[in-house]
């Protein structure tokens, strides 16, 4: 009887964690999915206003939205791997995924700012 109650409790916790993971994934995809059309419309308005920096603003907005969306997706992967699927294969897969997403995030930063994240001191910004 105690084992059945414990199993039921663990199942409920696992389902709750899976719900949190799904929520993080939805937010991450929504951030990216909403940012692209919004940024495009904003850019078209700025082009119509003859702003010379419209493309640069578009690039920065989309880059930051991608980074934010990726952060939510990485958080979902971490929570899922550590709490729901703590297998060696899952952890190795998570590690590789984080390496790829970190490289992508750095690439986006270089594209937006023009320098690597660890070179912030050279840009004059703190």
C-alpha atoms as a PDB file:
ATOM      1  CA  UNK A   1       0.000   0.000   0.000  1.00  0.00           C
ATOM      2  CA  UNK A   2       2.822   2.407   0.892  1.00  0.00           C
ATOM      3  CA  UNK A   3       4.710   1.515  -2.296  1.00  0.00           C
ATOM      4  CA  UNK A   4       1.606   2.167  -4.411  1.00  0.00           C
ATOM      5  CA  UNK A   5       1.107   5.568  -2.748  1.00  0.00           C
ATOM      6  CA  UNK A   6       4.757   6.452  -3.291  1.00  0.00           C
ATOM      7  CA  UNK A   7       4.578   5.399  -6.948  1.00  0.00           C
ATOM      8  CA  UNK A   8       1.440   7.479  -7.445  1.00  0.00           C
ATOM      9  CA  UNK A   9       3.128  10.474  -5.804  1.00  0.00           C
ATOM     10  CA  UNK A  10       6.228  10.121  -8.002  1.00  0.00           C
ATOM     11  CA  UNK A  11       4.036   9.866 -11.100  1.00  0.00           C
ATOM     12  CA  UNK A  12       2.248  13.070 -10.117  1.00  0.00           C
ATOM     13  CA  UNK A  13       5.572  14.878  -9.549  1.00  0.00           C
ATOM     14  CA  UNK A  14       6.909  13.633 -12.888  1.00  0.00           C
ATOM     15  CA  UNK A  15       3.768  14.832 -14.669  1.00  0.00           C
ATOM     16  CA  UNK A  16       4.041  18.226 -12.960  1.00  0.00           C
ATOM     17  CA  UNK A  17       7.694  18.564 -13.998  1.00  0.00           C
ATOM     18  CA  UNK A  18       6.824  17.519 -17.561  1.00  0.00           C
ATOM     19  CA  UNK A  19       4.154  20.241 -17.567  1.00  0.00           C
ATOM     20  CA  UNK A  20       6.762  22.810 -16.495  1.00  0.00           C
ATOM     21  CA  UNK A  21       9.113  21.581 -19.231  1.00  0.00           C
ATOM     22  CA  UNK A  22       6.358  21.863 -21.850  1.00  0.00           C
ATOM     23  CA  UNK A  23       5.613  25.389 -20.624  1.00  0.00           C
ATOM     24  CA  UNK A  24       9.262  26.407 -20.971  1.00  0.00           C
ATOM     25  CA  UNK A  25       9.374  24.947 -24.477  1.00  0.00           C
ATOM     26  CA  UNK A  26       6.192  26.745 -25.484  1.00  0.00           C
ATOM     27  CA  UNK A  27       7.522  30.055 -24.166  1.00  0.00           C
ATOM     28  CA  UNK A  28      10.824  29.570 -25.998  1.00  0.00           C
ATOM     29  CA  UNK A  29       9.146  28.772 -29.305  1.00  0.00           C
ATOM     30  CA  UNK A  30       6.605  31.579 -28.808  1.00  0.00           C
ATOM     31  CA  UNK A  31       9.343  34.147 -28.186  1.00  0.00           C
ATOM     32  CA  UNK A  32      11.049  33.178 -31.430  1.00  0.00           C
ATOM     33  CA  UNK A  33       7.825  32.741 -33.391  1.00  0.00           C
ATOM     34  CA  UNK A  34       6.363  36.088 -32.336  1.00  0.00           C
ATOM     35  CA  UNK A  35       9.613  38.044 -32.590  1.00  0.00           C
ATOM     36  CA  UNK A  36      10.252  37.287 -36.258  1.00  0.00           C
ATOM     37  CA  UNK A  37       7.004  38.697 -37.709  1.00  0.00           C
ATOM     38  CA  UNK A  38       7.037  41.579 -35.205  1.00  0.00           C
ATOM     39  CA  UNK A  39      10.626  42.507 -36.101  1.00  0.00           C
ATOM     40  CA  UNK A  40       9.880  42.232 -39.808  1.00  0.00           C
ATOM     41  CA  UNK A  41       6.885  44.562 -39.549  1.00  0.00           C
ATOM     42  CA  UNK A  42       8.905  46.971 -37.419  1.00  0.00           C
ATOM     43  CA  UNK A  43      11.722  46.909 -39.980  1.00  0.00           C
ATOM     44  CA  UNK A  44       9.334  47.584 -42.860  1.00  0.00           C
ATOM     45  CA  UNK A  45       7.902  50.571 -40.987  1.00  0.00           C
ATOM     46  CA  UNK A  46      11.428  51.869 -40.345  1.00  0.00           C
ATOM     47  CA  UNK A  47      12.376  51.395 -44.008  1.00  0.00           C
ATOM     48  CA  UNK A  48       9.274  53.314 -45.012  1.00  0.00           C
ATOM     49  CA  UNK A  49      10.403  56.088 -42.622  1.00  0.00           C
ATOM     50  CA  UNK A  50      13.795  55.982 -44.393  1.00  0.00           C
ATOM     51  CA  UNK A  51      15.748  55.100 -41.261  1.00  0.00           C
ATOM     52  CA  UNK A  52      19.276  54.172 -42.321  1.00  0.00           C
ATOM     53  CA  UNK A  53      19.730  51.700 -39.461  1.00  0.00           C
ATOM     54  CA  UNK A  54      16.565  49.653 -40.107  1.00  0.00           C
ATOM     55  CA  UNK A  55      18.450  46.500 -41.112  1.00  0.00           C
ATOM     56  CA  UNK A  56      20.845  46.748 -38.160  1.00  0.00           C
ATOM     57  CA  UNK A  57      17.895  47.140 -35.774  1.00  0.00           C
ATOM     58  CA  UNK A  58      16.185  44.118 -37.352  1.00  0.00           C
ATOM     59  CA  UNK A  59      19.327  42.048 -36.960  1.00  0.00           C
ATOM     60  CA  UNK A  60      19.752  43.032 -33.308  1.00  0.00           C
ATOM     61  CA  UNK A  61      16.088  42.440 -32.443  1.00  0.00           C
ATOM     62  CA  UNK A  62      15.979  39.014 -34.082  1.00  0.00           C
ATOM     63  CA  UNK A  63      19.335  38.039 -32.569  1.00  0.00           C
ATOM     64  CA  UNK A  64      18.219  38.940 -29.059  1.00  0.00           C
ATOM     65  CA  UNK A  65      14.907  37.134 -29.551  1.00  0.00           C
ATOM     66  CA  UNK A  66      16.757  34.017 -30.726  1.00  0.00           C
ATOM     67  CA  UNK A  67      19.025  34.152 -27.695  1.00  0.00           C
ATOM     68  CA  UNK A  68      16.085  34.536 -25.314  1.00  0.00           C
ATOM     69  CA  UNK A  69      14.148  31.728 -26.978  1.00  0.00           C
ATOM     70  CA  UNK A  70      17.202  29.462 -26.854  1.00  0.00           C
ATOM     71  CA  UNK A  71      17.618  30.162 -23.139  1.00  0.00           C
ATOM     72  CA  UNK A  72      14.084  28.913 -22.475  1.00  0.00           C
ATOM     73  CA  UNK A  73      14.667  25.835 -24.626  1.00  0.00           C
ATOM     74  CA  UNK A  74      17.960  25.037 -22.865  1.00  0.00           C
ATOM     75  CA  UNK A  75      16.251  25.438 -19.477  1.00  0.00           C
ATOM     76  CA  UNK A  76      13.550  22.986 -20.561  1.00  0.00           C
ATOM     77  CA  UNK A  77      16.175  20.480 -21.716  1.00  0.00           C
ATOM     78  CA  UNK A  78      18.099  20.792 -18.440  1.00  0.00           C
ATOM     79  CA  UNK A  79      14.997  20.289 -16.294  1.00  0.00           C
ATOM     80  CA  UNK A  80      13.856  17.310 -18.380  1.00  0.00           C
ATOM     81  CA  UNK A  81      17.256  15.606 -18.401  1.00  0.00           C
ATOM     82  CA  UNK A  82      18.080  16.136 -14.747  1.00  0.00           C
ATOM     83  CA  UNK A  83      14.661  15.346 -13.259  1.00  0.00           C
ATOM     84  CA  UNK A  84      12.821  13.085 -15.675  1.00  0.00           C
ATOM     85  CA  UNK A  85      15.466  11.235 -17.733  1.00  0.00           C
ATOM     86  CA  UNK A  86      18.688  11.148 -15.673  1.00  0.00           C
ATOM     87  CA  UNK A  87      20.419   8.536 -17.831  1.00  0.00           C
ATOM     88  CA  UNK A  88      24.021   8.707 -18.994  1.00  0.00           C
ATOM     89  CA  UNK A  89      22.878   8.921 -22.607  1.00  0.00           C
ATOM     90  CA  UNK A  90      20.478  11.754 -21.754  1.00  0.00           C
ATOM     91  CA  UNK A  91      23.157  13.718 -19.908  1.00  0.00           C
ATOM     92  CA  UNK A  92      25.679  13.312 -22.754  1.00  0.00           C
ATOM     93  CA  UNK A  93      23.005  14.379 -25.233  1.00  0.00           C
ATOM     94  CA  UNK A  94      22.191  17.403 -23.062  1.00  0.00           C
ATOM     95  CA  UNK A  95      25.871  18.322 -22.863  1.00  0.00           C
ATOM     96  CA  UNK A  96      26.235  18.250 -26.637  1.00  0.00           C
ATOM     97  CA  UNK A  97      23.044  20.241 -27.061  1.00  0.00           C
ATOM     98  CA  UNK A  98      24.274  22.895 -24.634  1.00  0.00           C
ATOM     99  CA  UNK A  99      27.618  23.123 -26.455  1.00  0.00           C
ATOM    100  CA  UNK A 100      25.850  23.627 -29.792  1.00  0.00           C
ATOM    101  CA  UNK A 101      23.434  26.195 -28.381  1.00  0.00           C
ATOM    102  CA  UNK A 102      26.227  28.031 -26.572  1.00  0.00           C
ATOM    103  CA  UNK A 103      28.182  28.271 -29.835  1.00  0.00           C
ATOM    104  CA  UNK A 104      25.042  29.504 -31.590  1.00  0.00           C
ATOM    105  CA  UNK A 105      24.492  32.111 -28.871  1.00  0.00           C
ATOM    106  CA  UNK A 106      28.091  33.309 -29.189  1.00  0.00           C
ATOM    107  CA  UNK A 107      27.723  33.496 -32.957  1.00  0.00           C
ATOM    108  CA  UNK A 108      24.600  35.605 -32.575  1.00  0.00           C
ATOM    109  CA  UNK A 109      26.437  37.892 -30.135  1.00  0.00           C
ATOM    110  CA  UNK A 110      29.297  38.339 -32.597  1.00  0.00           C
ATOM    111  CA  UNK A 111      26.815  39.096 -35.375  1.00  0.00           C
ATOM    112  CA  UNK A 112      24.990  41.694 -33.254  1.00  0.00           C
ATOM    113  CA  UNK A 113      27.864  43.342 -31.381  1.00  0.00           C
ATOM    114  CA  UNK A 114      30.831  42.635 -33.621  1.00  0.00           C
ATOM    115  CA  UNK A 115      32.991  41.010 -30.920  1.00  0.00           C
ATOM    116  CA  UNK A 116      33.081  37.879 -28.782  1.00  0.00           C
ATOM    117  CA  UNK A 117      31.258  37.886 -25.410  1.00  0.00           C
ATOM    118  CA  UNK A 118      34.534  37.737 -23.470  1.00  0.00           C
ATOM    119  CA  UNK A 119      35.791  40.852 -25.252  1.00  0.00           C
ATOM    120  CA  UNK A 120      33.239  43.174 -23.630  1.00  0.00           C
ATOM    121  CA  UNK A 121      35.976  45.119 -21.813  1.00  0.00           C
ATOM    122  CA  UNK A 122      37.441  46.173 -25.183  1.00  0.00           C
ATOM    123  CA  UNK A 123      34.148  47.655 -26.365  1.00  0.00           C
ATOM    124  CA  UNK A 124      33.932  50.195 -23.563  1.00  0.00           C
ATOM    125  CA  UNK A 125      30.771  48.637 -22.120  1.00  0.00           C
ATOM    126  CA  UNK A 126      30.761  47.052 -18.695  1.00  0.00           C
END
